[in-house]
Amino acid sequence: MSWLDEVAWNADGLVPVIAQDVDDGRVLMMAWMNRQALESTLTTGEAVYWSRSRQRPWHKGESSGNVQRVRGIAMDCDGDTLLLQVQQVGGVACHTGRRSCFYRRLDDGQWRVVESVRKDPAAMYGGSNSER
């Protein structure tokens, strides 16, 4: 059995992946991978996800330059979720220009923005937020 066969892929052949900053443990983003993306991630040493909206592999940072250098890959006890420990190049993981995609917190029944924009998305993507 291949290590890829141990992953519990969903009906669409995907597995959820959480990207975590290797230095401080901050959760940066959640995305999906298929077998090809996971193999490419291992081969290149940089995060490659599966874009469900574009139906193609997505090398994180291909548009923005904010690549994720993979420092470790772990699988949960059920084999149905992966954790990537990454070094986030450029300090921005979110297409909104923030460090983390988890920049809103529930506070008294309202979602509040708790993290400021670090890089202008228009500067990263040439006017479109296409990387996701």
Protein backbone atom coordinates (compact mmCIF):
# COMPACT_ATOMS: atom_id res chain seq x y z
CA MET A 1 0.00 0.00 0.00
CA SER A 2 1.32 3.42 -0.98
CA TRP A 3 1.41 6.23 1.56
CA LEU A 4 -1.10 8.01 -0.72
CA ASP A 5 -3.52 5.10 -0.33
CA GLU A 6 -3.58 5.68 3.43
CA VAL A 7 -5.25 9.06 2.94
CA ALA A 8 -9.05 8.91 3.26
CA TRP A 9 -9.93 10.83 0.10
CA ASN A 10 -13.53 12.08 -0.04
CA ALA A 11 -15.99 11.16 -2.84
CA ASP A 12 -14.46 13.90 -5.03
CA GLY A 13 -10.94 12.53 -4.50
CA LEU A 14 -9.99 15.41 -2.20
CA VAL A 15 -8.76 15.84 1.34
CA PRO A 16 -8.91 19.04 3.45
CA VAL A 17 -5.53 20.54 4.32
CA ILE A 18 -4.71 23.03 7.04
CA ALA A 19 -1.61 25.19 6.57
CA GLN A 20 0.08 26.19 9.82
CA ASP A 21 3.04 28.51 10.35
CA VAL A 22 5.93 26.27 11.40
CA ASP A 23 7.48 28.99 13.60
CA ASP A 24 4.56 30.11 15.77
CA GLY A 25 1.77 27.61 15.10
CA ARG A 26 -0.70 30.15 13.66
CA VAL A 27 -3.29 28.57 11.35
CA LEU A 28 -2.89 30.36 8.03
CA MET A 29 -5.47 28.79 5.74
CA MET A 30 -7.48 25.76 4.76
CA ALA A 31 -7.53 24.34 1.24
CA TRP A 32 -7.99 21.04 -0.59
CA MET A 33 -5.60 18.58 -2.21
CA ASN A 34 -6.04 15.68 -4.58
CA ARG A 35 -3.43 12.93 -5.05
CA GLN A 36 -1.58 14.88 -7.74
CA ALA A 37 -1.40 18.02 -5.57
CA LEU A 38 -0.10 16.06 -2.59
CA GLU A 39 2.51 14.31 -4.74
CA SER A 40 3.57 17.66 -6.24
CA THR A 41 3.81 19.18 -2.76
CA LEU A 42 6.16 16.42 -1.66
CA THR A 43 8.21 16.63 -4.87
CA THR A 44 8.59 20.42 -4.99
CA GLY A 45 8.73 21.14 -1.26
CA GLU A 46 6.14 23.88 -1.77
CA ALA A 47 2.39 23.70 -1.18
CA VAL A 48 0.32 22.73 -4.20
CA TYR A 49 -3.43 22.61 -3.66
CA TRP A 50 -6.45 21.70 -5.78
CA SER A 51 -8.53 24.68 -6.84
CA ARG A 52 -12.15 23.57 -6.75
CA SER A 53 -13.28 26.74 -8.53
CA ARG A 54 -10.81 26.37 -11.41
CA GLN A 55 -10.68 22.55 -11.35
CA ARG A 56 -6.90 22.47 -11.59
CA PRO A 57 -3.79 22.28 -9.40
CA TRP A 58 -2.88 25.55 -7.73
CA HIS A 59 0.71 26.16 -6.67
CA LYS A 60 0.29 28.49 -3.70
CA GLY A 61 1.95 31.77 -4.60
CA GLU A 62 1.86 31.22 -8.37
CA SER A 63 0.24 34.65 -8.82
CA SER A 64 1.22 36.50 -5.65
CA GLY A 65 4.71 35.16 -4.97
CA ASN A 66 3.58 34.19 -1.45
CA VAL A 67 4.63 30.55 -1.67
CA GLN A 68 4.50 28.12 1.21
CA ARG A 69 7.69 26.14 1.81
CA VAL A 70 6.63 22.87 3.39
CA ARG A 71 8.55 21.87 6.51
CA GLY A 72 6.33 18.97 7.57
CA ILE A 73 3.22 17.02 6.62
CA ALA A 74 1.01 15.25 9.18
CA MET A 75 -2.23 13.30 8.92
CA ASP A 76 -4.96 13.14 11.56
CA CYS A 77 -6.06 9.94 13.29
CA ASP A 78 -8.86 9.25 10.78
CA GLY A 79 -6.63 9.91 7.78
CA ASP A 80 -9.15 12.42 6.44
CA THR A 81 -7.36 15.73 7.14
CA LEU A 82 -3.79 16.83 6.51
CA LEU A 83 -1.70 19.44 8.30
CA LEU A 84 1.07 21.24 6.46
CA GLN A 85 3.64 23.03 8.56
CA VAL A 86 4.90 25.79 6.31
CA GLN A 87 7.24 28.72 6.10
CA GLN A 88 5.03 31.42 4.59
CA VAL A 89 7.10 33.46 2.14
CA GLY A 90 6.12 37.13 2.12
CA GLY A 91 4.18 36.85 5.38
CA VAL A 92 0.81 36.70 3.56
CA ALA A 93 -1.26 33.54 3.13
CA CYS A 94 -4.68 35.04 2.36
CA HIS A 95 -5.75 36.42 -1.03
CA THR A 96 -7.11 39.44 0.91
CA GLY A 97 -3.52 40.44 1.74
CA ARG A 98 -3.64 39.27 5.35
CA ARG A 99 -1.29 36.87 7.11
CA SER A 100 -4.09 34.38 7.78
CA CYS A 101 -7.42 33.61 6.14
CA PHE A 102 -8.83 33.40 9.67
CA TYR A 103 -8.89 37.15 10.27
CA ARG A 104 -12.50 37.46 11.49
CA ARG A 105 -13.61 36.55 15.01
CA LEU A 106 -17.08 36.12 16.40
CA ASP A 107 -17.57 38.76 19.10
CA ASP A 108 -20.97 39.35 20.69
CA GLY A 109 -22.78 37.76 17.76
CA GLN A 110 -20.89 39.78 15.12
CA TRP A 111 -17.93 38.90 12.91
CA ARG A 112 -15.15 41.40 13.56
CA VAL A 113 -12.00 41.89 11.51
CA VAL A 114 -9.06 41.38 13.87
CA GLU A 115 -6.17 41.46 11.43
CA SER A 116 -5.12 44.21 9.07
CA VAL A 117 -4.13 43.93 5.43
CA ARG A 118 -0.36 43.54 5.00
CA LYS A 119 -0.21 43.72 1.19
CA ASP A 120 -2.63 45.27 -1.25
CA PRO A 121 -4.33 42.44 -3.15
CA ALA A 122 -4.38 44.54 -6.34
CA ALA A 123 -0.58 44.80 -6.16
CA MET A 124 -0.23 41.03 -5.61
CA TYR A 125 -2.68 39.94 -8.32
CA GLY A 126 -2.76 42.80 -10.77
CA GLY A 127 -6.28 43.84 -9.88
CA SER A 128 -7.90 40.44 -9.34
CA ASN A 129 -8.04 38.15 -6.32
CA SER A 130 -7.57 35.10 -8.54
CA GLU A 131 -5.39 32.98 -6.27
CA ARG A 132 -7.61 30.61 -4.34
